[in-house]
Amino acid sequence: MVGHPADLDGDGDVDVITTDLNGNGRPDIVVTCDGAWANRKQVSKSEICWWRNAGR
């Protein structure tokens, strides 16, 4: 598994992770976002996205 933390615009933490999630031997991509914060209040929800590598 390879993870890369990033904060692209300063509003929230973003993590990009590449790992084989479904056991097919190909790395998939997962991105998590901690949501946006303003004045110490969370103004948007956290989310996770998964791109499955089908190898096509």
PDB file of N, CA and C in Angstrom:
ATOM      1  N   MET A   1       0.847  -1.168   0.000  1.00  0.00           N
ATOM      2  CA  MET A   1       0.000   0.000   0.000  1.00  0.00           C
ATOM      3  C   MET A   1       0.893   1.231   0.000  1.00  0.00           C
ATOM      4  N   VAL A   2       0.528   2.194  -0.816  1.00  0.00           N
ATOM      5  CA  VAL A   2       1.258   3.450  -0.894  1.00  0.00           C
ATOM      6  C   VAL A   2       0.282   4.561  -0.575  1.00  0.00           C
ATOM      7  N   GLY A   3       0.620   5.440   0.343  1.00  0.00           N
ATOM      8  CA  GLY A   3      -0.243   6.561   0.688  1.00  0.00           C
ATOM      9  C   GLY A   3       0.480   7.878   0.502  1.00  0.00           C
ATOM     10  N   HIS A   4      -0.243   8.876   0.052  1.00  0.00           N
ATOM     11  CA  HIS A   4       0.330  10.201  -0.173  1.00  0.00           C
ATOM     12  C   HIS A   4      -0.609  11.250   0.404  1.00  0.00           C
ATOM     13  N   PRO A   5      -0.239  11.878   1.534  1.00  0.00           N
ATOM     14  CA  PRO A   5      -1.072  12.952   2.059  1.00  0.00           C
ATOM     15  C   PRO A   5      -0.904  14.215   1.227  1.00  0.00           C
ATOM     16  N   ALA A   6      -1.966  14.950   1.084  1.00  0.00           N
ATOM     17  CA  ALA A   6      -1.913  16.205   0.330  1.00  0.00           C
ATOM     18  C   ALA A   6      -2.941  17.162   0.900  1.00  0.00           C
ATOM     19  N   ASP A   7      -2.676  18.418   0.794  1.00  0.00           N
ATOM     20  CA  ASP A   7      -3.637  19.450   1.145  1.00  0.00           C
ATOM     21  C   ASP A   7      -3.589  20.451  -0.003  1.00  0.00           C
ATOM     22  N   LEU A   8      -4.456  20.254  -0.984  1.00  0.00           N
ATOM     23  CA  LEU A   8      -4.350  20.977  -2.236  1.00  0.00           C
ATOM     24  C   LEU A   8      -4.703  22.450  -2.123  1.00  0.00           C
ATOM     25  N   ASP A   9      -5.703  22.789  -1.303  1.00  0.00           N
ATOM     26  CA  ASP A   9      -6.116  24.186  -1.228  1.00  0.00           C
ATOM     27  C   ASP A   9      -6.164  24.729   0.194  1.00  0.00           C
ATOM     28  N   GLY A  10      -5.714  23.930   1.149  1.00  0.00           N
ATOM     29  CA  GLY A  10      -5.679  24.383   2.527  1.00  0.00           C
ATOM     30  C   GLY A  10      -6.986  24.215   3.281  1.00  0.00           C
ATOM     31  N   ASP A  11      -8.032  23.730   2.632  1.00  0.00           N
ATOM     32  CA  ASP A  11      -9.334  23.609   3.283  1.00  0.00           C
ATOM     33  C   ASP A  11      -9.539  22.275   3.988  1.00  0.00           C
ATOM     34  N   GLY A  12      -8.821  21.243   3.603  1.00  0.00           N
ATOM     35  CA  GLY A  12      -9.016  19.940   4.220  1.00  0.00           C
ATOM     36  C   GLY A  12      -7.890  19.007   3.834  1.00  0.00           C
ATOM     37  N   ASP A  13      -7.765  17.952   4.587  1.00  0.00           N
ATOM     38  CA  ASP A  13      -6.721  16.968   4.294  1.00  0.00           C
ATOM     39  C   ASP A  13      -7.209  15.971   3.258  1.00  0.00           C
ATOM     40  N   VAL A  14      -6.331  15.642   2.325  1.00  0.00           N
ATOM     41  CA  VAL A  14      -6.630  14.674   1.274  1.00  0.00           C
ATOM     42  C   VAL A  14      -5.564  13.595   1.333  1.00  0.00           C
ATOM     43  N   ASP A  15      -5.980  12.323   1.286  1.00  0.00           N
ATOM     44  CA  ASP A  15      -5.047  11.204   1.238  1.00  0.00           C
ATOM     45  C   ASP A  15      -5.318  10.404  -0.023  1.00  0.00           C
ATOM     46  N   VAL A  16      -4.258  10.101  -0.764  1.00  0.00           N
ATOM     47  CA  VAL A  16      -4.347   9.254  -1.950  1.00  0.00           C
ATOM     48  C   VAL A  16      -3.626   7.953  -1.619  1.00  0.00           C
ATOM     49  N   ILE A  17      -4.339   6.840  -1.732  1.00  0.00           N
ATOM     50  CA  ILE A  17      -3.792   5.533  -1.372  1.00  0.00           C
ATOM     51  C   ILE A  17      -3.918   4.608  -2.566  1.00  0.00           C
ATOM     52  N   THR A  18      -2.837   3.925  -2.911  1.00  0.00           N
ATOM     53  CA  THR A  18      -2.893   2.900  -3.951  1.00  0.00           C
ATOM     54  C   THR A  18      -2.609   1.556  -3.302  1.00  0.00           C
ATOM     55  N   THR A  19      -3.545   0.638  -3.467  1.00  0.00           N
ATOM     56  CA  THR A  19      -3.420  -0.711  -2.916  1.00  0.00           C
ATOM     57  C   THR A  19      -4.402  -1.628  -3.635  1.00  0.00           C
ATOM     58  N   ASP A  20      -4.183  -2.916  -3.546  1.00  0.00           N
ATOM     59  CA  ASP A  20      -5.075  -3.896  -4.169  1.00  0.00           C
ATOM     60  C   ASP A  20      -6.207  -4.203  -3.189  1.00  0.00           C
ATOM     61  N   LEU A  21      -7.373  -3.591  -3.391  1.00  0.00           N
ATOM     62  CA  LEU A  21      -8.498  -3.763  -2.471  1.00  0.00           C
ATOM     63  C   LEU A  21      -9.336  -4.999  -2.750  1.00  0.00           C
ATOM     64  N   ASN A  22      -9.373  -5.459  -3.999  1.00  0.00           N
ATOM     65  CA  ASN A  22     -10.271  -6.563  -4.332  1.00  0.00           C
ATOM     66  C   ASN A  22      -9.526  -7.865  -4.653  1.00  0.00           C
ATOM     67  N   GLY A  23      -8.216  -7.913  -4.443  1.00  0.00           N
ATOM     68  CA  GLY A  23      -7.457  -9.148  -4.567  1.00  0.00           C
ATOM     69  C   GLY A  23      -7.204  -9.627  -5.984  1.00  0.00           C
ATOM     70  N   ASN A  24      -7.293  -8.712  -6.982  1.00  0.00           N
ATOM     71  CA  ASN A  24      -7.061  -9.123  -8.374  1.00  0.00           C
ATOM     72  C   ASN A  24      -5.615  -8.903  -8.810  1.00  0.00           C
ATOM     73  N   GLY A  25      -4.744  -8.471  -7.894  1.00  0.00           N
ATOM     74  CA  GLY A  25      -3.335  -8.272  -8.215  1.00  0.00           C
ATOM     75  C   GLY A  25      -3.004  -6.939  -8.849  1.00  0.00           C
ATOM     76  N   ARG A  26      -3.994  -6.073  -9.024  1.00  0.00           N
ATOM     77  CA  ARG A  26      -3.762  -4.749  -9.620  1.00  0.00           C
ATOM     78  C   ARG A  26      -4.006  -3.662  -8.572  1.00  0.00           C
ATOM     79  N   PRO A  27      -3.175  -2.618  -8.554  1.00  0.00           N
ATOM     80  CA  PRO A  27      -3.392  -1.560  -7.563  1.00  0.00           C
ATOM     81  C   PRO A  27      -4.629  -0.731  -7.901  1.00  0.00           C
ATOM     82  N   ASP A  28      -5.476  -0.518  -6.902  1.00  0.00           N
ATOM     83  CA  ASP A  28      -6.634   0.363  -7.019  1.00  0.00           C
ATOM     84  C   ASP A  28      -6.267   1.709  -6.405  1.00  0.00           C
ATOM     85  N   ILE A  29      -7.083   2.721  -6.648  1.00  0.00           N
ATOM     86  CA  ILE A  29      -6.834   4.058  -6.105  1.00  0.00           C
ATOM     87  C   ILE A  29      -7.975   4.422  -5.163  1.00  0.00           C
ATOM     88  N   VAL A  30      -7.612   4.854  -3.963  1.00  0.00           N
ATOM     89  CA  VAL A  30      -8.579   5.331  -2.981  1.00  0.00           C
ATOM     90  C   VAL A  30      -8.177   6.749  -2.592  1.00  0.00           C
ATOM     91  N   VAL A  31      -9.158   7.647  -2.561  1.00  0.00           N
ATOM     92  CA  VAL A  31      -8.907   9.031  -2.149  1.00  0.00           C
ATOM     93  C   VAL A  31      -9.871   9.365  -1.020  1.00  0.00           C
ATOM     94  N   THR A  32      -9.331   9.889   0.072  1.00  0.00           N
ATOM     95  CA  THR A  32     -10.169  10.335   1.177  1.00  0.00           C
ATOM     96  C   THR A  32     -10.006  11.831   1.355  1.00  0.00           C
ATOM     97  N   CYS A  33     -11.072  12.483   1.736  1.00  0.00           N
ATOM     98  CA  CYS A  33     -11.050  13.921   1.992  1.00  0.00           C
ATOM     99  C   CYS A  33     -11.678  14.164   3.354  1.00  0.00           C
ATOM    100  N   ASP A  34     -11.001  14.926   4.183  1.00  0.00           N
ATOM    101  CA  ASP A  34     -11.450  15.181   5.545  1.00  0.00           C
ATOM    102  C   ASP A  34     -12.561  16.221   5.605  1.00  0.00           C
ATOM    103  N   GLY A  35     -12.951  16.788   4.485  1.00  0.00           N
ATOM    104  CA  GLY A  35     -13.963  17.836   4.492  1.00  0.00           C
ATOM    105  C   GLY A  35     -13.325  19.196   4.706  1.00  0.00           C
ATOM    106  N   ALA A  36     -14.093  20.222   4.482  1.00  0.00           N
ATOM    107  CA  ALA A  36     -13.582  21.587   4.605  1.00  0.00           C
ATOM    108  C   ALA A  36     -13.926  22.164   5.981  1.00  0.00           C
ATOM    109  N   TRP A  37     -13.016  22.946   6.495  1.00  0.00           N
ATOM    110  CA  TRP A  37     -13.206  23.587   7.792  1.00  0.00           C
ATOM    111  C   TRP A  37     -13.125  25.101   7.628  1.00  0.00           C
ATOM    112  N   ALA A  38     -13.974  25.808   8.333  1.00  0.00           N
ATOM    113  CA  ALA A  38     -13.935  27.279   8.343  1.00  0.00           C
ATOM    114  C   ALA A  38     -14.242  27.740   9.763  1.00  0.00           C
ATOM    115  N   ASN A  39     -13.394  28.573  10.298  1.00  0.00           N
ATOM    116  CA  ASN A  39     -13.565  29.092  11.661  1.00  0.00           C
ATOM    117  C   ASN A  39     -13.786  27.978  12.684  1.00  0.00           C
ATOM    118  N   ARG A  40     -12.951  26.922  12.556  1.00  0.00           N
ATOM    119  CA  ARG A  40     -12.966  25.764  13.461  1.00  0.00           C
ATOM    120  C   ARG A  40     -14.265  24.967  13.407  1.00  0.00           C
ATOM    121  N   LYS A  41     -15.062  25.127  12.350  1.00  0.00           N
ATOM    122  CA  LYS A  41     -16.274  24.339  12.163  1.00  0.00           C
ATOM    123  C   LYS A  41     -16.184  23.603  10.838  1.00  0.00           C
ATOM    124  N   GLN A  42     -16.594  22.335  10.843  1.00  0.00           N
ATOM    125  CA  GLN A  42     -16.576  21.562   9.607  1.00  0.00           C
ATOM    126  C   GLN A  42     -17.781  21.967   8.767  1.00  0.00           C
ATOM    127  N   VAL A  43     -17.507  22.467   7.552  1.00  0.00           N
ATOM    128  CA  VAL A  43     -18.582  22.984   6.699  1.00  0.00           C
ATOM    129  C   VAL A  43     -18.936  22.034   5.560  1.00  0.00           C
ATOM    130  N   SER A  44     -18.199  20.952   5.412  1.00  0.00           N
ATOM    131  CA  SER A  44     -18.570  19.943   4.420  1.00  0.00           C
ATOM    132  C   SER A  44     -18.214  18.567   4.969  1.00  0.00           C
ATOM    133  N   LYS A  45     -18.847  17.550   4.436  1.00  0.00           N
ATOM    134  CA  LYS A  45     -18.688  16.183   4.929  1.00  0.00           C
ATOM    135  C   LYS A  45     -17.402  15.554   4.395  1.00  0.00           C
ATOM    136  N   SER A  46     -16.920  14.580   5.151  1.00  0.00           N
ATOM    137  CA  SER A  46     -15.786  13.780   4.692  1.00  0.00           C
ATOM    138  C   SER A  46     -16.275  12.800   3.633  1.00  0.00           C
ATOM    139  N   GLU A  47     -15.389  12.411   2.720  1.00  0.00           N
ATOM    140  CA  GLU A  47     -15.783  11.450   1.697  1.00  0.00           C
ATOM    141  C   GLU A  47     -14.625  10.554   1.310  1.00  0.00           C
ATOM    142  N   ILE A  48     -14.976   9.427   0.683  1.00  0.00           N
ATOM    143  CA  ILE A  48     -13.994   8.480   0.179  1.00  0.00           C
ATOM    144  C   ILE A  48     -14.417   8.065  -1.228  1.00  0.00           C
ATOM    145  N   CYS A  49     -13.447   7.964  -2.128  1.00  0.00           N
ATOM    146  CA  CYS A  49     -13.711   7.519  -3.502  1.00  0.00           C
ATOM    147  C   CYS A  49     -12.759   6.375  -3.822  1.00  0.00           C
ATOM    148  N   TRP A  50     -13.247   5.380  -4.534  1.00  0.00           N
ATOM    149  CA  TRP A  50     -12.453   4.211  -4.889  1.00  0.00           C
ATOM    150  C   TRP A  50     -12.563   4.004  -6.390  1.00  0.00           C
ATOM    151  N   TRP A  51     -11.399   3.970  -7.056  1.00  0.00           N
ATOM    152  CA  TRP A  51     -11.330   3.657  -8.485  1.00  0.00           C
ATOM    153  C   TRP A  51     -10.731   2.267  -8.616  1.00  0.00           C
ATOM    154  N   ARG A  52     -11.550   1.318  -9.040  1.00  0.00           N
ATOM    155  CA  ARG A  52     -11.119  -0.070  -9.203  1.00  0.00           C
ATOM    156  C   ARG A  52     -10.342  -0.215 -10.498  1.00  0.00           C
ATOM    157  N   ASN A  53      -9.189  -0.871 -10.419  1.00  0.00           N
ATOM    158  CA  ASN A  53      -8.356  -1.105 -11.583  1.00  0.00           C
ATOM    159  C   ASN A  53      -8.793  -2.426 -12.223  1.00  0.00           C
ATOM    160  N   ALA A  54      -9.553  -2.338 -13.307  1.00  0.00           N
ATOM    161  CA  ALA A  54     -10.046  -3.537 -13.994  1.00  0.00           C
ATOM    162  C   ALA A  54      -9.004  -4.107 -14.956  1.00  0.00           C
ATOM    163  N   GLY A  55      -7.951  -3.348 -15.240  1.00  0.00           N
ATOM    164  CA  GLY A  55      -6.868  -3.832 -16.102  1.00  0.00           C
ATOM    165  C   GLY A  55      -7.233  -3.886 -17.572  1.00  0.00           C
ATOM    166  N   ARG A  56      -8.167  -3.082 -18.004  1.00  0.00           N
ATOM    167  CA  ARG A  56      -8.558  -3.079 -19.422  1.00  0.00           C
ATOM    168  C   ARG A  56      -7.862  -2.000 -20.188  1.00  0.00           C
TER     169      ARG A  56
END
